[in-house]
Amino acid sequence: VVREIQQKGGKTAMIGDGINDSPALSAADVGIAIS
């Protein structure tokens, strides 16, 4: 989903906190995690 948004909308940041968010955080241009 993040990669698809990148293709359509340009540079993308992903904000997440869980284990399941890790691949999306890595795929985003800037991955932002919750402390």
PDB file of all heavy atoms in Angstrom:
ATOM      1  N   VAL A   1       0.839  -1.200   0.000  1.00  0.00           N
ATOM      2  CA  VAL A   1       0.000   0.000   0.000  1.00  0.00           C
ATOM      3  C   VAL A   1       0.874   1.250   0.000  1.00  0.00           C
ATOM      4  O   VAL A   1       0.624   2.206  -0.744  1.00  0.00           O
ATOM      5  CB  VAL A   1      -0.950   0.007   1.221  1.00  0.00           C
ATOM      6  CG1 VAL A   1      -1.650   1.357   1.344  1.00  0.00           C
ATOM      7  CG2 VAL A   1      -1.971  -1.107   1.112  1.00  0.00           C
ATOM      8  N   VAL A   2       1.921   1.251   0.825  1.00  0.00           N
ATOM      9  CA  VAL A   2       2.837   2.400   0.887  1.00  0.00           C
ATOM     10  C   VAL A   2       3.526   2.609  -0.460  1.00  0.00           C
ATOM     11  O   VAL A   2       3.637   3.743  -0.958  1.00  0.00           O
ATOM     12  CB  VAL A   2       3.881   2.210   2.004  1.00  0.00           C
ATOM     13  CG1 VAL A   2       4.991   3.262   1.897  1.00  0.00           C
ATOM     14  CG2 VAL A   2       3.223   2.306   3.369  1.00  0.00           C
ATOM     15  N   ARG A   3       3.967   1.520  -1.083  1.00  0.00           N
ATOM     16  CA  ARG A   3       4.645   1.631  -2.380  1.00  0.00           C
ATOM     17  C   ARG A   3       3.689   2.163  -3.453  1.00  0.00           C
ATOM     18  O   ARG A   3       4.084   2.947  -4.324  1.00  0.00           O
ATOM     19  CB  ARG A   3       5.219   0.278  -2.803  1.00  0.00           C
ATOM     20  CG  ARG A   3       6.374  -0.184  -1.916  1.00  0.00           C
ATOM     21  CD  ARG A   3       7.132  -1.344  -2.512  1.00  0.00           C
ATOM     22  NE  ARG A   3       8.157  -1.845  -1.618  1.00  0.00           N
ATOM     23  CZ  ARG A   3       9.348  -1.297  -1.460  1.00  0.00           C
ATOM     24  NH1 ARG A   3       9.663  -0.195  -2.139  1.00  0.00           N
ATOM     25  NH2 ARG A   3      10.229  -1.833  -0.630  1.00  0.00           N
ATOM     26  N   GLU A   4       2.448   1.748  -3.384  1.00  0.00           N
ATOM     27  CA  GLU A   4       1.454   2.238  -4.340  1.00  0.00           C
ATOM     28  C   GLU A   4       1.220   3.736  -4.166  1.00  0.00           C
ATOM     29  O   GLU A   4       1.117   4.481  -5.144  1.00  0.00           O
ATOM     30  CB  GLU A   4       0.135   1.474  -4.140  1.00  0.00           C
ATOM     31  CG  GLU A   4      -0.937   1.818  -5.165  1.00  0.00           C
ATOM     32  CD  GLU A   4      -2.196   1.001  -4.966  1.00  0.00           C
ATOM     33  OE1 GLU A   4      -2.137  -0.060  -4.296  1.00  0.00           O
ATOM     34  OE2 GLU A   4      -3.247   1.426  -5.478  1.00  0.00           O
ATOM     35  N   ILE A   5       1.142   4.177  -2.911  1.00  0.00           N
ATOM     36  CA  ILE A   5       0.969   5.609  -2.641  1.00  0.00           C
ATOM     37  C   ILE A   5       2.186   6.389  -3.123  1.00  0.00           C
ATOM     38  O   ILE A   5       2.053   7.496  -3.664  1.00  0.00           O
ATOM     39  CB  ILE A   5       0.733   5.836  -1.131  1.00  0.00           C
ATOM     40  CG1 ILE A   5      -0.623   5.242  -0.716  1.00  0.00           C
ATOM     41  CG2 ILE A   5       0.786   7.326  -0.789  1.00  0.00           C
ATOM     42  CD1 ILE A   5      -0.869   5.248   0.771  1.00  0.00           C
ATOM     43  N   GLN A   6       3.381   5.827  -2.962  1.00  0.00           N
ATOM     44  CA  GLN A   6       4.601   6.484  -3.437  1.00  0.00           C
ATOM     45  C   GLN A   6       4.553   6.713  -4.944  1.00  0.00           C
ATOM     46  O   GLN A   6       4.933   7.768  -5.440  1.00  0.00           O
ATOM     47  CB  GLN A   6       5.830   5.635  -3.098  1.00  0.00           C
ATOM     48  CG  GLN A   6       6.273   5.715  -1.650  1.00  0.00           C
ATOM     49  CD  GLN A   6       7.414   4.767  -1.351  1.00  0.00           C
ATOM     50  OE1 GLN A   6       7.350   3.582  -1.681  1.00  0.00           O
ATOM     51  NE2 GLN A   6       8.455   5.267  -0.728  1.00  0.00           N
ATOM     52  N   GLN A   7       4.084   5.710  -5.673  1.00  0.00           N
ATOM     53  CA  GLN A   7       4.032   5.802  -7.129  1.00  0.00           C
ATOM     54  C   GLN A   7       3.051   6.882  -7.582  1.00  0.00           C
ATOM     55  O   GLN A   7       3.270   7.562  -8.576  1.00  0.00           O
ATOM     56  CB  GLN A   7       3.631   4.451  -7.721  1.00  0.00           C
ATOM     57  CG  GLN A   7       4.693   3.381  -7.538  1.00  0.00           C
ATOM     58  CD  GLN A   7       4.227   2.011  -7.992  1.00  0.00           C
ATOM     59  OE1 GLN A   7       3.101   1.833  -8.454  1.00  0.00           O
ATOM     60  NE2 GLN A   7       5.096   1.011  -7.874  1.00  0.00           N
ATOM     61  N   LYS A   8       1.974   7.062  -6.804  1.00  0.00           N
ATOM     62  CA  LYS A   8       0.950   8.034  -7.184  1.00  0.00           C
ATOM     63  C   LYS A   8       1.215   9.434  -6.621  1.00  0.00           C
ATOM     64  O   LYS A   8       0.966  10.425  -7.295  1.00  0.00           O
ATOM     65  CB  LYS A   8      -0.422   7.563  -6.692  1.00  0.00           C
ATOM     66  CG  LYS A   8      -0.920   6.293  -7.356  1.00  0.00           C
ATOM     67  CD  LYS A   8      -2.263   5.886  -6.782  1.00  0.00           C
ATOM     68  CE  LYS A   8      -2.793   4.606  -7.425  1.00  0.00           C
ATOM     69  NZ  LYS A   8      -4.093   4.189  -6.837  1.00  0.00           N
ATOM     70  N   GLY A   9       1.725   9.477  -5.393  1.00  0.00           N
ATOM     71  CA  GLY A   9       1.801  10.770  -4.707  1.00  0.00           C
ATOM     72  C   GLY A   9       3.181  11.289  -4.400  1.00  0.00           C
ATOM     73  O   GLY A   9       3.314  12.258  -3.656  1.00  0.00           O
ATOM     74  N   GLY A  10       4.231  10.670  -4.910  1.00  0.00           N
ATOM     75  CA  GLY A  10       5.579  11.176  -4.664  1.00  0.00           C
ATOM     76  C   GLY A  10       6.160  10.712  -3.339  1.00  0.00           C
ATOM     77  O   GLY A  10       5.822   9.643  -2.837  1.00  0.00           O
ATOM     78  N   LYS A  11       7.027  11.528  -2.753  1.00  0.00           N
ATOM     79  CA  LYS A  11       7.715  11.168  -1.516  1.00  0.00           C
ATOM     80  C   LYS A  11       6.713  10.937  -0.384  1.00  0.00           C
ATOM     81  O   LYS A  11       5.814  11.741  -0.166  1.00  0.00           O
ATOM     82  CB  LYS A  11       8.697  12.263  -1.101  1.00  0.00           C
ATOM     83  CG  LYS A  11       9.821  12.508  -2.095  1.00  0.00           C
ATOM     84  CD  LYS A  11      10.803  11.364  -2.130  1.00  0.00           C
ATOM     85  CE  LYS A  11      11.981  11.680  -3.050  1.00  0.00           C
ATOM     86  NZ  LYS A  11      12.949  10.565  -3.122  1.00  0.00           N
ATOM     87  N   THR A  12       6.897   9.820   0.324  1.00  0.00           N
ATOM     88  CA  THR A  12       5.925   9.407   1.339  1.00  0.00           C
ATOM     89  C   THR A  12       6.604   9.082   2.661  1.00  0.00           C
ATOM     90  O   THR A  12       7.653   8.431   2.683  1.00  0.00           O
ATOM     91  CB  THR A  12       5.140   8.167   0.858  1.00  0.00           C
ATOM     92  OG1 THR A  12       4.485   8.484  -0.377  1.00  0.00           O
ATOM     93  CG2 THR A  12       4.103   7.737   1.876  1.00  0.00           C
ATOM     94  N   ALA A  13       5.999   9.539   3.754  1.00  0.00           N
ATOM     95  CA  ALA A  13       6.462   9.170   5.102  1.00  0.00           C
ATOM     96  C   ALA A  13       5.446   8.210   5.700  1.00  0.00           C
ATOM     97  O   ALA A  13       4.240   8.348   5.480  1.00  0.00           O
ATOM     98  CB  ALA A  13       6.595  10.403   5.983  1.00  0.00           C
ATOM     99  N   MET A  14       5.936   7.236   6.442  1.00  0.00           N
ATOM    100  CA  MET A  14       5.061   6.266   7.117  1.00  0.00           C
ATOM    101  C   MET A  14       5.287   6.389   8.618  1.00  0.00           C
ATOM    102  O   MET A  14       6.425   6.393   9.094  1.00  0.00           O
ATOM    103  CB  MET A  14       5.399   4.849   6.643  1.00  0.00           C
ATOM    104  CG  MET A  14       4.759   3.730   7.464  1.00  0.00           C
ATOM    105  SD  MET A  14       2.967   3.635   7.238  1.00  0.00           S
ATOM    106  CE  MET A  14       2.520   2.430   8.507  1.00  0.00           C
ATOM    107  N   ILE A  15       4.180   6.492   9.371  1.00  0.00           N
ATOM    108  CA  ILE A  15       4.272   6.556  10.829  1.00  0.00           C
ATOM    109  C   ILE A  15       3.598   5.320  11.397  1.00  0.00           C
ATOM    110  O   ILE A  15       2.425   5.045  11.105  1.00  0.00           O
ATOM    111  CB  ILE A  15       3.564   7.811  11.390  1.00  0.00           C
ATOM    112  CG1 ILE A  15       4.009   9.059  10.636  1.00  0.00           C
ATOM    113  CG2 ILE A  15       3.849   7.962  12.879  1.00  0.00           C
ATOM    114  CD1 ILE A  15       3.278  10.315  11.052  1.00  0.00           C
ATOM    115  N   GLY A  16       4.324   4.543  12.197  1.00  0.00           N
ATOM    116  CA  GLY A  16       3.764   3.328  12.774  1.00  0.00           C
ATOM    117  C   GLY A  16       4.426   2.969  14.084  1.00  0.00           C
ATOM    118  O   GLY A  16       5.418   3.590  14.490  1.00  0.00           O
ATOM    119  N   ASP A  17       3.891   1.935  14.730  1.00  0.00           N
ATOM    120  CA  ASP A  17       4.434   1.558  16.037  1.00  0.00           C
ATOM    121  C   ASP A  17       4.594   0.062  16.232  1.00  0.00           C
ATOM    122  O   ASP A  17       5.250  -0.379  17.178  1.00  0.00           O
ATOM    123  CB  ASP A  17       3.520   2.100  17.151  1.00  0.00           C
ATOM    124  CG  ASP A  17       2.202   1.344  17.205  1.00  0.00           C
ATOM    125  OD1 ASP A  17       1.605   1.132  16.128  1.00  0.00           O
ATOM    126  OD2 ASP A  17       1.778   0.952  18.305  1.00  0.00           O
ATOM    127  N   GLY A  18       3.998  -0.743  15.361  1.00  0.00           N
ATOM    128  CA  GLY A  18       3.973  -2.181  15.607  1.00  0.00           C
ATOM    129  C   GLY A  18       4.941  -2.983  14.756  1.00  0.00           C
ATOM    130  O   GLY A  18       5.539  -2.473  13.807  1.00  0.00           O
ATOM    131  N   ILE A  19       5.069  -4.258  15.105  1.00  0.00           N
ATOM    132  CA  ILE A  19       5.912  -5.169  14.329  1.00  0.00           C
ATOM    133  C   ILE A  19       5.411  -5.249  12.895  1.00  0.00           C
ATOM    134  O   ILE A  19       6.196  -5.272  11.939  1.00  0.00           O
ATOM    135  CB  ILE A  19       5.921  -6.568  14.981  1.00  0.00           C
ATOM    136  CG1 ILE A  19       6.577  -6.503  16.363  1.00  0.00           C
ATOM    137  CG2 ILE A  19       6.645  -7.584  14.104  1.00  0.00           C
ATOM    138  CD1 ILE A  19       6.488  -7.779  17.155  1.00  0.00           C
ATOM    139  N   ASN A  20       4.088  -5.290  12.737  1.00  0.00           N
ATOM    140  CA  ASN A  20       3.501  -5.395  11.403  1.00  0.00           C
ATOM    141  C   ASN A  20       3.745  -4.156  10.549  1.00  0.00           C
ATOM    142  O   ASN A  20       3.587  -4.199   9.328  1.00  0.00           O
ATOM    143  CB  ASN A  20       1.988  -5.635  11.508  1.00  0.00           C
ATOM    144  CG  ASN A  20       1.669  -6.998  12.074  1.00  0.00           C
ATOM    145  OD1 ASN A  20       2.449  -7.933  11.947  1.00  0.00           O
ATOM    146  ND2 ASN A  20       0.522  -7.118  12.718  1.00  0.00           N
ATOM    147  N   ASP A  21       4.107  -3.047  11.180  1.00  0.00           N
ATOM    148  CA  ASP A  21       4.369  -1.813  10.435  1.00  0.00           C
ATOM    149  C   ASP A  21       5.790  -1.753   9.891  1.00  0.00           C
ATOM    150  O   ASP A  21       6.096  -0.891   9.055  1.00  0.00           O
ATOM    151  CB  ASP A  21       4.144  -0.590  11.337  1.00  0.00           C
ATOM    152  CG  ASP A  21       2.720  -0.490  11.838  1.00  0.00           C
ATOM    153  OD1 ASP A  21       1.807  -0.855  11.076  1.00  0.00           O
ATOM    154  OD2 ASP A  21       2.520  -0.063  12.992  1.00  0.00           O
ATOM    155  N   SER A  22       6.657  -2.631  10.351  1.00  0.00           N
ATOM    156  CA  SER A  22       8.084  -2.551  10.021  1.00  0.00           C
ATOM    157  C   SER A  22       8.374  -2.574   8.518  1.00  0.00           C
ATOM    158  O   SER A  22       9.160  -1.748   8.031  1.00  0.00           O
ATOM    159  CB  SER A  22       8.849  -3.667  10.729  1.00  0.00           C
ATOM    160  OG  SER A  22       8.709  -3.548  12.127  1.00  0.00           O
ATOM    161  N   PRO A  23       7.783  -3.502   7.734  1.00  0.00           N
ATOM    162  CA  PRO A  23       8.055  -3.486   6.290  1.00  0.00           C
ATOM    163  C   PRO A  23       7.634  -2.177   5.631  1.00  0.00           C
ATOM    164  O   PRO A  23       8.316  -1.670   4.741  1.00  0.00           O
ATOM    165  CB  PRO A  23       7.229  -4.668   5.762  1.00  0.00           C
ATOM    166  CG  PRO A  23       7.067  -5.573   6.937  1.00  0.00           C
ATOM    167  CD  PRO A  23       6.942  -4.660   8.112  1.00  0.00           C
ATOM    168  N   ALA A  24       6.501  -1.625   6.066  1.00  0.00           N
ATOM    169  CA  ALA A  24       6.024  -0.359   5.499  1.00  0.00           C
ATOM    170  C   ALA A  24       6.946   0.789   5.883  1.00  0.00           C
ATOM    171  O   ALA A  24       7.209   1.685   5.073  1.00  0.00           O
ATOM    172  CB  ALA A  24       4.601  -0.081   5.979  1.00  0.00           C
ATOM    173  N   LEU A  25       7.452   0.780   7.124  1.00  0.00           N
ATOM    174  CA  LEU A  25       8.390   1.818   7.572  1.00  0.00           C
ATOM    175  C   LEU A  25       9.660   1.780   6.732  1.00  0.00           C
ATOM    176  O   LEU A  25      10.226   2.813   6.390  1.00  0.00           O
ATOM    177  CB  LEU A  25       8.740   1.614   9.048  1.00  0.00           C
ATOM    178  CG  LEU A  25       7.640   1.907  10.070  1.00  0.00           C
ATOM    179  CD1 LEU A  25       8.067   1.433  11.456  1.00  0.00           C
ATOM    180  CD2 LEU A  25       7.304   3.392  10.103  1.00  0.00           C
ATOM    181  N   SER A  26      10.094   0.571   6.406  1.00  0.00           N
ATOM    182  CA  SER A  26      11.300   0.408   5.596  1.00  0.00           C
ATOM    183  C   SER A  26      11.073   0.848   4.155  1.00  0.00           C
ATOM    184  O   SER A  26      11.961   1.413   3.523  1.00  0.00           O
ATOM    185  CB  SER A  26      11.749  -1.064   5.631  1.00  0.00           C
ATOM    186  OG  SER A  26      12.894  -1.264   4.843  1.00  0.00           O
ATOM    187  N   ALA A  27       9.868   0.593   3.635  1.00  0.00           N
ATOM    188  CA  ALA A  27       9.565   0.919   2.239  1.00  0.00           C
ATOM    189  C   ALA A  27       9.387   2.416   2.018  1.00  0.00           C
ATOM    190  O   ALA A  27       9.681   2.923   0.937  1.00  0.00           O
ATOM    191  CB  ALA A  27       8.304   0.188   1.798  1.00  0.00           C
ATOM    192  N   ALA A  28       8.912   3.133   3.029  1.00  0.00           N
ATOM    193  CA  ALA A  28       8.638   4.564   2.883  1.00  0.00           C
ATOM    194  C   ALA A  28       9.932   5.356   2.677  1.00  0.00           C
ATOM    195  O   ALA A  28      11.023   4.907   3.041  1.00  0.00           O
ATOM    196  CB  ALA A  28       7.915   5.075   4.125  1.00  0.00           C
ATOM    197  N   ASP A  29       9.810   6.521   2.074  1.00  0.00           N
ATOM    198  CA  ASP A  29      10.982   7.390   1.890  1.00  0.00           C
ATOM    199  C   ASP A  29      11.538   7.829   3.233  1.00  0.00           C
ATOM    200  O   ASP A  29      12.749   7.983   3.396  1.00  0.00           O
ATOM    201  CB  ASP A  29      10.586   8.617   1.058  1.00  0.00           C
ATOM    202  CG  ASP A  29      10.165   8.232  -0.353  1.00  0.00           C
ATOM    203  OD1 ASP A  29      11.047   7.848  -1.138  1.00  0.00           O
ATOM    204  OD2 ASP A  29       8.962   8.283  -0.647  1.00  0.00           O
ATOM    205  N   VAL A  30      10.634   8.030   4.202  1.00  0.00           N
ATOM    206  CA  VAL A  30      11.039   8.326   5.582  1.00  0.00           C
ATOM    207  C   VAL A  30      10.148   7.509   6.515  1.00  0.00           C
ATOM    208  O   VAL A  30       8.933   7.651   6.495  1.00  0.00           O
ATOM    209  CB  VAL A  30      10.900   9.820   5.925  1.00  0.00           C
ATOM    210  CG1 VAL A  30      11.312  10.072   7.376  1.00  0.00           C
ATOM    211  CG2 VAL A  30      11.734  10.676   4.981  1.00  0.00           C
ATOM    212  N   GLY A  31      10.764   6.620   7.296  1.00  0.00           N
ATOM    213  CA  GLY A  31      10.024   5.823   8.268  1.00  0.00           C
ATOM    214  C   GLY A  31      10.082   6.485   9.634  1.00  0.00           C
ATOM    215  O   GLY A  31      11.169   6.828  10.115  1.00  0.00           O
ATOM    216  N   ILE A  32       8.918   6.675  10.255  1.00  0.00           N
ATOM    217  CA  ILE A  32       8.850   7.351  11.556  1.00  0.00           C
ATOM    218  C   ILE A  32       8.163   6.428  12.546  1.00  0.00           C
ATOM    219  O   ILE A  32       7.012   6.031  12.345  1.00  0.00           O
ATOM    220  CB  ILE A  32       8.069   8.684  11.452  1.00  0.00           C
ATOM    221  CG1 ILE A  32       8.733   9.589  10.398  1.00  0.00           C
ATOM    222  CG2 ILE A  32       8.007   9.383  12.797  1.00  0.00           C
ATOM    223  CD1 ILE A  32       7.937  10.832  10.068  1.00  0.00           C
ATOM    224  N   ALA A  33       8.869   6.067  13.609  1.00  0.00           N
ATOM    225  CA  ALA A  33       8.335   5.144  14.612  1.00  0.00           C
ATOM    226  C   ALA A  33       7.927   5.884  15.872  1.00  0.00           C
ATOM    227  O   ALA A  33       8.456   6.953  16.187  1.00  0.00           O
ATOM    228  CB  ALA A  33       9.371   4.074  14.956  1.00  0.00           C
ATOM    229  N   ILE A  34       6.967   5.297  16.589  1.00  0.00           N
ATOM    230  CA  ILE A  34       6.523   5.834  17.873  1.00  0.00           C
ATOM    231  C   ILE A  34       7.433   5.281  18.967  1.00  0.00           C
ATOM    232  O   ILE A  34       7.750   4.092  18.987  1.00  0.00           O
ATOM    233  CB  ILE A  34       5.064   5.432  18.154  1.00  0.00           C
ATOM    234  CG1 ILE A  34       4.152   5.917  17.025  1.00  0.00           C
ATOM    235  CG2 ILE A  34       4.603   5.997  19.486  1.00  0.00           C
ATOM    236  CD1 ILE A  34       4.117   7.404  16.834  1.00  0.00           C
ATOM    237  N   SER A  35       7.843   6.141  19.890  1.00  0.00           N
ATOM    238  CA  SER A  35       8.834   5.752  20.899  1.00  0.00           C
ATOM    239  C   SER A  35       8.386   4.578  21.774  1.00  0.00           C
ATOM    240  O   SER A  35       9.217   3.798  22.240  1.00  0.00           O
ATOM    241  CB  SER A  35       9.179   6.952  21.789  1.00  0.00           C
ATOM    242  OG  SER A  35       8.028   7.416  22.473  1.00  0.00           O
TER     243      SER A  35
END
